[in-house]
C-alpha atoms as a PDB file:
ATOM      1  CA  GLN A   1       0.501  -1.659  13.103  1.00  0.00           C
ATOM      2  CA  VAL A   2      -1.611  -0.520  10.189  1.00  0.00           C
ATOM      3  CA  GLN A   3      -1.652  -2.914   7.250  1.00  0.00           C
ATOM      4  CA  LEU A   4      -3.308  -2.706   3.856  1.00  0.00           C
ATOM      5  CA  VAL A   5      -3.773  -5.961   1.981  1.00  0.00           C
ATOM      6  CA  GLU A   6      -4.790  -5.948  -1.672  1.00  0.00           C
ATOM      7  CA  SER A   7      -6.357  -8.792  -3.606  1.00  0.00           C
ATOM      8  CA  GLY A   8      -8.074  -9.403  -6.913  1.00  0.00           C
ATOM      9  CA  GLY A   9      -5.286  -8.836  -9.392  1.00  0.00           C
ATOM     10  CA  GLY A  10      -4.509 -11.282 -12.169  1.00  0.00           C
ATOM     11  CA  LEU A  11      -4.409 -11.885 -15.885  1.00  0.00           C
ATOM     12  CA  VAL A  12      -7.336 -10.875 -18.070  1.00  0.00           C
ATOM     13  CA  GLN A  13      -7.927 -10.383 -21.765  1.00  0.00           C
ATOM     14  CA  ALA A  14      -8.459  -6.933 -23.193  1.00  0.00           C
ATOM     15  CA  GLY A  15     -12.061  -5.889 -22.703  1.00  0.00           C
ATOM     16  CA  GLY A  16     -12.380  -7.963 -19.564  1.00  0.00           C
ATOM     17  CA  SER A  17     -12.967  -6.973 -15.961  1.00  0.00           C
ATOM     18  CA  LEU A  18     -11.301  -7.317 -12.592  1.00  0.00           C
ATOM     19  CA  ARG A  19     -12.257  -6.168  -9.117  1.00  0.00           C
ATOM     20  CA  LEU A  20      -9.538  -5.177  -6.696  1.00  0.00           C
ATOM     21  CA  SER A  21     -10.088  -5.105  -2.953  1.00  0.00           C
ATOM     22  CA  CYS A  22      -7.994  -3.574  -0.195  1.00  0.00           C
ATOM     23  CA  VAL A  23      -8.633  -4.314   3.449  1.00  0.00           C
ATOM     24  CA  ALA A  24      -7.124  -2.129   6.157  1.00  0.00           C
ATOM     25  CA  SER A  25      -6.370  -3.452   9.626  1.00  0.00           C
ATOM     26  CA  GLY A  26      -4.393  -2.638  12.716  1.00  0.00           C
ATOM     27  CA  THR A  27      -6.102   0.561  13.754  1.00  0.00           C
ATOM     28  CA  ILE A  28      -9.244   1.595  15.539  1.00  0.00           C
ATOM     29  CA  PHE A  29      -9.202   4.931  13.766  1.00  0.00           C
ATOM     30  CA  ARG A  30     -10.948   5.670  10.504  1.00  0.00           C
ATOM     31  CA  PHE A  31      -9.329   6.510   7.232  1.00  0.00           C
ATOM     32  CA  ASN A  32      -9.864   9.735   5.384  1.00  0.00           C
ATOM     33  CA  THR A  33      -9.028   9.365   1.706  1.00  0.00           C
ATOM     34  CA  MET A  34      -8.472   5.882   0.336  1.00  0.00           C
ATOM     35  CA  GLY A  35      -7.307   5.235  -3.162  1.00  0.00           C
ATOM     36  CA  TRP A  36      -5.619   3.185  -5.819  1.00  0.00           C
ATOM     37  CA  TYR A  37      -2.368   3.962  -7.572  1.00  0.00           C
ATOM     38  CA  ARG A  38      -0.545   2.014 -10.238  1.00  0.00           C
ATOM     39  CA  GLN A  39       2.987   1.710 -11.492  1.00  0.00           C
ATOM     40  CA  ALA A  40       3.916   0.271 -14.839  1.00  0.00           C
ATOM     41  CA  PRO A  41       7.484  -0.858 -15.620  1.00  0.00           C
ATOM     42  CA  GLY A  42       9.738   2.131 -16.209  1.00  0.00           C
ATOM     43  CA  LYS A  43       7.063   4.615 -15.219  1.00  0.00           C
ATOM     44  CA  GLN A  44       6.265   6.622 -12.127  1.00  0.00           C
ATOM     45  CA  ARG A  45       3.497   5.635  -9.766  1.00  0.00           C
ATOM     46  CA  GLU A  46       0.294   7.431 -10.687  1.00  0.00           C
ATOM     47  CA  LEU A  47      -3.090   7.984  -9.125  1.00  0.00           C
ATOM     48  CA  VAL A  48      -5.841   5.848 -10.613  1.00  0.00           C
ATOM     49  CA  ALA A  49      -8.732   6.858  -8.362  1.00  0.00           C
ATOM     50  CA  ASP A  50      -9.420   7.916  -4.826  1.00  0.00           C
ATOM     51  CA  ILE A  51     -12.434   8.344  -2.591  1.00  0.00           C
ATOM     52  CA  THR A  52     -12.909  10.473   0.502  1.00  0.00           C
ATOM     53  CA  SER A  53     -14.676   9.464   3.686  1.00  0.00           C
ATOM     54  CA  GLY A  54     -17.653  11.384   2.327  1.00  0.00           C
ATOM     55  CA  SER A  55     -17.554   9.325  -0.884  1.00  0.00           C
ATOM     56  CA  SER A  56     -16.323  12.077  -3.181  1.00  0.00           C
ATOM     57  CA  THR A  57     -14.317  10.475  -5.960  1.00  0.00           C
ATOM     58  CA  THR A  58     -11.475  11.429  -8.272  1.00  0.00           C
ATOM     59  CA  TYR A  59     -10.385   9.519 -11.352  1.00  0.00           C
ATOM     60  CA  SER A  60      -7.490   9.843 -13.710  1.00  0.00           C
ATOM     61  CA  ASP A  61      -8.549  10.742 -17.227  1.00  0.00           C
ATOM     62  CA  SER A  62      -7.255   7.416 -18.541  1.00  0.00           C
ATOM     63  CA  VAL A  63      -9.731   5.370 -16.499  1.00  0.00           C
ATOM     64  CA  LYS A  64     -12.807   7.600 -16.366  1.00  0.00           C
ATOM     65  CA  GLY A  65     -15.887   5.753 -17.476  1.00  0.00           C
ATOM     66  CA  ARG A  66     -14.197   2.353 -17.139  1.00  0.00           C
ATOM     67  CA  PHE A  67     -13.166   2.104 -13.487  1.00  0.00           C
ATOM     68  CA  THR A  68     -15.276   2.653 -10.382  1.00  0.00           C
ATOM     69  CA  ILE A  69     -13.947   3.136  -6.884  1.00  0.00           C
ATOM     70  CA  SER A  70     -16.034   2.472  -3.789  1.00  0.00           C
ATOM     71  CA  ARG A  71     -15.514   1.879  -0.103  1.00  0.00           C
ATOM     72  CA  ASP A  72     -17.118   0.182   2.853  1.00  0.00           C
ATOM     73  CA  ASN A  73     -16.164   2.160   5.946  1.00  0.00           C
ATOM     74  CA  ALA A  74     -17.534  -0.456   8.328  1.00  0.00           C
ATOM     75  CA  LYS A  75     -15.172  -2.996   6.780  1.00  0.00           C
ATOM     76  CA  ALA A  76     -12.302  -0.523   6.244  1.00  0.00           C
ATOM     77  CA  THR A  77     -12.220  -1.732   2.663  1.00  0.00           C
ATOM     78  CA  VAL A  78     -11.824   0.051  -0.646  1.00  0.00           C
ATOM     79  CA  TYR A  79     -12.655  -1.508  -4.012  1.00  0.00           C
ATOM     80  CA  LEU A  80     -11.737  -0.814  -7.594  1.00  0.00           C
ATOM     81  CA  GLN A  81     -14.009  -2.237 -10.263  1.00  0.00           C
ATOM     82  CA  MET A  82     -12.120  -2.244 -13.541  1.00  0.00           C
ATOM     83  CA  ASN A  83     -14.078  -2.778 -16.744  1.00  0.00           C
ATOM     84  CA  SER A  84     -13.097  -2.625 -20.407  1.00  0.00           C
ATOM     85  CA  LEU A  85      -9.492  -3.259 -19.484  1.00  0.00           C
ATOM     86  CA  LYS A  86      -6.811  -2.307 -21.966  1.00  0.00           C
ATOM     87  CA  PRO A  87      -3.227  -3.562 -22.352  1.00  0.00           C
ATOM     88  CA  GLU A  88      -2.021  -0.150 -21.146  1.00  0.00           C
ATOM     89  CA  ASP A  89      -3.750  -0.786 -17.803  1.00  0.00           C
ATOM     90  CA  LYS A  90      -1.128  -3.415 -17.052  1.00  0.00           C
ATOM     91  CA  ALA A  91       0.689  -2.397 -13.875  1.00  0.00           C
ATOM     92  CA  VAL A  92       1.153  -3.128 -10.217  1.00  0.00           C
ATOM     93  CA  TYR A  93      -1.801  -1.604  -8.404  1.00  0.00           C
ATOM     94  CA  TYR A  94      -1.275  -0.210  -4.926  1.00  0.00           C
ATOM     95  CA  CYS A  95      -3.824   0.680  -2.310  1.00  0.00           C
ATOM     96  CA  ALA A  96      -3.234   3.790  -0.208  1.00  0.00           C
ATOM     97  CA  ALA A  97      -5.072   5.132   2.790  1.00  0.00           C
ATOM     98  CA  VAL A  98      -4.702   8.289   4.852  1.00  0.00           C
ATOM     99  CA  LEU A  99      -5.396   7.889   8.552  1.00  0.00           C
ATOM    100  CA  VAL A 100      -7.684  10.587   9.978  1.00  0.00           C
ATOM    101  CA  VAL A 101      -5.632  10.826  13.174  1.00  0.00           C
ATOM    102  CA  GLY A 102      -2.190  12.130  12.264  1.00  0.00           C
ATOM    103  CA  GLY A 103      -2.718  12.188   8.491  1.00  0.00           C
ATOM    104  CA  ARG A 104      -0.139   9.525   7.702  1.00  0.00           C
ATOM    105  CA  THR A 105      -0.454   7.652   4.407  1.00  0.00           C
ATOM    106  CA  TYR A 106      -0.186   3.876   4.413  1.00  0.00           C
ATOM    107  CA  TRP A 107       0.488   1.664   1.396  1.00  0.00           C
ATOM    108  CA  GLY A 108      -0.291  -1.890   0.483  1.00  0.00           C
ATOM    109  CA  GLN A 109       2.207  -4.291  -1.031  1.00  0.00           C
ATOM    110  CA  GLY A 110       0.670  -4.120  -4.496  1.00  0.00           C
ATOM    111  CA  THR A 111      -1.166  -6.534  -6.742  1.00  0.00           C
ATOM    112  CA  GLN A 112      -0.261  -7.266 -10.358  1.00  0.00           C
ATOM    113  CA  VAL A 113      -2.779  -6.626 -13.108  1.00  0.00           C
ATOM    114  CA  THR A 114      -1.904  -7.950 -16.552  1.00  0.00           C
ATOM    115  CA  VAL A 115      -4.069  -7.363 -19.618  1.00  0.00           C
ATOM    116  CA  SER A 116      -3.378  -9.392 -22.726  1.00  0.00           C
ATOM    117  CA  SER A 117      -4.238  -8.087 -26.174  1.00  0.00           C
END
């Protein structure tokens, strides 16, 4: 069974940095697009950034220039480097990955990011 496990969340002061990691397991097949979403209390889940198997990236306007997404296909891992964090970045961050075979999207359990002002 495919599993995505996130790590790296925590509490940081405004202006600080965190690096999230998401490791995929349970499949011999590769992933197409992998990405990060976030959900703040009372808000809908939104795309933060994603990256294709060819390393093309997409970022939400709110994080452009501050966050960087990357992936290591050999390790089936996607990263999110978050710099210059703001209180409004506080949310639960979820990893998502689309399996090449079948196109199904898998989700991680989420990791909390809290930014204090």
